[in-house]
């Protein structure tokens, strides 16, 4: 697998796509009950939390997602990240490579200061 990887402070493995092609591969291996993240705006990796989510994992995964997003790279402001389950992801024939829709999501606001701290 050619994904970005990060191990959280709690020891949980996160995987992230690097391109539209690796986002496709990442989503293909997501289990129904696993948490997945993507920025509210286009142009970010999908991030898959590969184990049972522990306290603090969602926020850390959201920052990991935001750091590699086009929203952050272009705007250098707070980034909204959507969190959803694997079972809620779908794709229709008209969607381009690396693009998916979700049925239901929660939203996490990643602050500029949190991203800057991550990058130090």
C-alpha atoms as a PDB file:
ATOM      1  CA  UNK A   1       0.000   0.000   0.000  1.00  0.00           C
ATOM      2  CA  UNK A   2       1.266   3.424  -0.879  1.00  0.00           C
ATOM      3  CA  UNK A   3      -0.601   5.459   1.747  1.00  0.00           C
ATOM      4  CA  UNK A   4       0.592   8.067   4.197  1.00  0.00           C
ATOM      5  CA  UNK A   5       0.624   6.535   7.655  1.00  0.00           C
ATOM      6  CA  UNK A   6       0.444   8.038  11.108  1.00  0.00           C
ATOM      7  CA  UNK A   7       0.229   6.405  14.514  1.00  0.00           C
ATOM      8  CA  UNK A   8      -1.768   8.446  17.014  1.00  0.00           C
ATOM      9  CA  UNK A   9      -0.656   9.272  20.542  1.00  0.00           C
ATOM     10  CA  UNK A  10      -2.977   6.439  21.638  1.00  0.00           C
ATOM     11  CA  UNK A  11      -1.258   3.971  19.267  1.00  0.00           C
ATOM     12  CA  UNK A  12      -4.006   3.901  16.619  1.00  0.00           C
ATOM     13  CA  UNK A  13      -3.020   3.550  12.946  1.00  0.00           C
ATOM     14  CA  UNK A  14      -4.285   6.168  10.469  1.00  0.00           C
ATOM     15  CA  UNK A  15      -3.959   5.708   6.697  1.00  0.00           C
ATOM     16  CA  UNK A  16      -4.334   8.576   4.204  1.00  0.00           C
ATOM     17  CA  UNK A  17      -4.468   8.758   0.428  1.00  0.00           C
ATOM     18  CA  UNK A  18      -1.869  10.759  -1.504  1.00  0.00           C
ATOM     19  CA  UNK A  19      -3.791  11.262  -4.758  1.00  0.00           C
ATOM     20  CA  UNK A  20      -7.154  10.550  -6.367  1.00  0.00           C
ATOM     21  CA  UNK A  21      -5.881   7.067  -7.262  1.00  0.00           C
ATOM     22  CA  UNK A  22      -4.714   6.238  -3.736  1.00  0.00           C
ATOM     23  CA  UNK A  23      -7.940   7.706  -2.314  1.00  0.00           C
ATOM     24  CA  UNK A  24      -9.803   5.127  -4.454  1.00  0.00           C
ATOM     25  CA  UNK A  25      -7.589   2.338  -3.103  1.00  0.00           C
ATOM     26  CA  UNK A  26      -7.975   3.598   0.449  1.00  0.00           C
ATOM     27  CA  UNK A  27     -11.773   3.673   0.286  1.00  0.00           C
ATOM     28  CA  UNK A  28     -11.807   0.189  -1.289  1.00  0.00           C
ATOM     29  CA  UNK A  29     -10.153  -1.276   1.836  1.00  0.00           C
ATOM     30  CA  UNK A  30     -12.276   0.586   4.435  1.00  0.00           C
ATOM     31  CA  UNK A  31     -14.399  -1.639   6.693  1.00  0.00           C
ATOM     32  CA  UNK A  32     -18.066  -0.719   7.322  1.00  0.00           C
ATOM     33  CA  UNK A  33     -17.560   0.271  10.969  1.00  0.00           C
ATOM     34  CA  UNK A  34     -14.294   2.174  10.519  1.00  0.00           C
ATOM     35  CA  UNK A  35     -14.134   5.954  10.776  1.00  0.00           C
ATOM     36  CA  UNK A  36     -13.154   7.911   7.667  1.00  0.00           C
ATOM     37  CA  UNK A  37     -12.392  11.631   7.359  1.00  0.00           C
ATOM     38  CA  UNK A  38     -12.214  14.169   4.525  1.00  0.00           C
ATOM     39  CA  UNK A  39     -12.266  17.951   4.453  1.00  0.00           C
ATOM     40  CA  UNK A  40     -15.551  19.707   3.725  1.00  0.00           C
ATOM     41  CA  UNK A  41     -13.906  21.219   0.635  1.00  0.00           C
ATOM     42  CA  UNK A  42     -12.505  19.129  -2.239  1.00  0.00           C
ATOM     43  CA  UNK A  43      -8.815  18.344  -2.475  1.00  0.00           C
ATOM     44  CA  UNK A  44      -7.771  16.392   0.576  1.00  0.00           C
ATOM     45  CA  UNK A  45      -6.762  12.874   1.427  1.00  0.00           C
ATOM     46  CA  UNK A  46      -9.334  10.491   2.779  1.00  0.00           C
ATOM     47  CA  UNK A  47      -8.090   9.369   6.194  1.00  0.00           C
ATOM     48  CA  UNK A  48      -9.057   5.936   7.532  1.00  0.00           C
ATOM     49  CA  UNK A  49      -8.762   5.095  11.229  1.00  0.00           C
ATOM     50  CA  UNK A  50      -7.837   1.413  11.101  1.00  0.00           C
ATOM     51  CA  UNK A  51      -8.701   0.397  14.644  1.00  0.00           C
ATOM     52  CA  UNK A  52     -11.395   1.079  17.197  1.00  0.00           C
ATOM     53  CA  UNK A  53     -11.339   4.834  17.735  1.00  0.00           C
ATOM     54  CA  UNK A  54      -9.908   5.844  21.099  1.00  0.00           C
ATOM     55  CA  UNK A  55     -10.302   9.140  22.946  1.00  0.00           C
ATOM     56  CA  UNK A  56      -8.535  11.897  21.038  1.00  0.00           C
ATOM     57  CA  UNK A  57      -8.173   9.876  17.813  1.00  0.00           C
ATOM     58  CA  UNK A  58     -10.847  11.749  15.838  1.00  0.00           C
ATOM     59  CA  UNK A  59      -9.321  15.155  16.533  1.00  0.00           C
ATOM     60  CA  UNK A  60      -5.804  13.917  15.755  1.00  0.00           C
ATOM     61  CA  UNK A  61      -7.007  12.269  12.518  1.00  0.00           C
ATOM     62  CA  UNK A  62      -8.841  15.484  11.561  1.00  0.00           C
ATOM     63  CA  UNK A  63      -5.620  17.478  11.967  1.00  0.00           C
ATOM     64  CA  UNK A  64      -3.733  14.834   9.925  1.00  0.00           C
ATOM     65  CA  UNK A  65      -6.367  15.206   7.175  1.00  0.00           C
ATOM     66  CA  UNK A  66      -6.308  19.017   7.258  1.00  0.00           C
ATOM     67  CA  UNK A  67      -2.500  19.261   7.097  1.00  0.00           C
ATOM     68  CA  UNK A  68      -2.446  17.638   3.631  1.00  0.00           C
ATOM     69  CA  UNK A  69      -5.545  19.425   2.281  1.00  0.00           C
ATOM     70  CA  UNK A  70      -5.726  21.994  -0.500  1.00  0.00           C
ATOM     71  CA  UNK A  71      -7.947  24.089   1.771  1.00  0.00           C
ATOM     72  CA  UNK A  72      -5.055  24.490   4.236  1.00  0.00           C
ATOM     73  CA  UNK A  73      -2.380  24.932   1.562  1.00  0.00           C
ATOM     74  CA  UNK A  74      -4.338  27.668  -0.241  1.00  0.00           C
ATOM     75  CA  UNK A  75      -5.963  29.522   2.665  1.00  0.00           C
ATOM     76  CA  UNK A  76      -3.887  28.943   5.833  1.00  0.00           C
ATOM     77  CA  UNK A  77      -7.075  29.198   7.925  1.00  0.00           C
ATOM     78  CA  UNK A  78      -9.220  26.869  10.037  1.00  0.00           C
ATOM     79  CA  UNK A  79     -10.322  23.745   8.119  1.00  0.00           C
ATOM     80  CA  UNK A  80     -13.638  21.894   8.444  1.00  0.00           C
ATOM     81  CA  UNK A  81     -13.299  18.104   8.349  1.00  0.00           C
ATOM     82  CA  UNK A  82     -16.155  15.618   7.926  1.00  0.00           C
ATOM     83  CA  UNK A  83     -16.148  12.327   9.862  1.00  0.00           C
ATOM     84  CA  UNK A  84     -18.244   9.372   8.710  1.00  0.00           C
ATOM     85  CA  UNK A  85     -18.424   5.581   8.799  1.00  0.00           C
ATOM     86  CA  UNK A  86     -17.300   3.330   5.967  1.00  0.00           C
ATOM     87  CA  UNK A  87     -20.859   2.048   5.493  1.00  0.00           C
ATOM     88  CA  UNK A  88     -22.021   5.573   4.575  1.00  0.00           C
ATOM     89  CA  UNK A  89     -19.664   6.027   1.606  1.00  0.00           C
ATOM     90  CA  UNK A  90     -20.988   5.618  -1.926  1.00  0.00           C
ATOM     91  CA  UNK A  91     -20.009   6.430  -5.490  1.00  0.00           C
ATOM     92  CA  UNK A  92     -22.040   6.713  -8.663  1.00  0.00           C
ATOM     93  CA  UNK A  93     -20.789   6.180 -12.206  1.00  0.00           C
ATOM     94  CA  UNK A  94     -20.549   9.895 -12.977  1.00  0.00           C
ATOM     95  CA  UNK A  95     -18.132  10.722 -10.153  1.00  0.00           C
ATOM     96  CA  UNK A  96     -14.512  11.210 -11.136  1.00  0.00           C
ATOM     97  CA  UNK A  97     -11.644   9.193  -9.691  1.00  0.00           C
ATOM     98  CA  UNK A  98     -11.070   9.819  -5.991  1.00  0.00           C
ATOM     99  CA  UNK A  99     -14.501  11.396  -5.475  1.00  0.00           C
ATOM    100  CA  UNK A 100     -17.154   9.902  -3.195  1.00  0.00           C
ATOM    101  CA  UNK A 101     -20.343  10.952  -1.439  1.00  0.00           C
ATOM    102  CA  UNK A 102     -21.434  10.179   2.094  1.00  0.00           C
ATOM    103  CA  UNK A 103     -24.881   9.745   3.578  1.00  0.00           C
ATOM    104  CA  UNK A 104     -24.271  11.159   7.062  1.00  0.00           C
ATOM    105  CA  UNK A 105     -21.333  12.926   8.694  1.00  0.00           C
ATOM    106  CA  UNK A 106     -20.200  14.847  11.742  1.00  0.00           C
ATOM    107  CA  UNK A 107     -18.027  17.928  11.450  1.00  0.00           C
ATOM    108  CA  UNK A 108     -14.811  18.810  13.266  1.00  0.00           C
ATOM    109  CA  UNK A 109     -13.274  22.270  13.060  1.00  0.00           C
ATOM    110  CA  UNK A 110      -9.486  22.098  12.930  1.00  0.00           C
ATOM    111  CA  UNK A 111      -8.013  25.397  14.052  1.00  0.00           C
ATOM    112  CA  UNK A 112      -5.141  27.069  12.263  1.00  0.00           C
ATOM    113  CA  UNK A 113      -3.067  26.897  15.459  1.00  0.00           C
ATOM    114  CA  UNK A 114      -3.563  23.102  15.686  1.00  0.00           C
ATOM    115  CA  UNK A 115      -2.286  22.627  12.130  1.00  0.00           C
ATOM    116  CA  UNK A 116       0.682  24.916  12.743  1.00  0.00           C
ATOM    117  CA  UNK A 117       1.565  22.984  15.923  1.00  0.00           C
ATOM    118  CA  UNK A 118       1.417  19.695  13.964  1.00  0.00           C
ATOM    119  CA  UNK A 119       3.809  21.081  11.350  1.00  0.00           C
ATOM    120  CA  UNK A 120       6.454  22.200  13.878  1.00  0.00           C
END
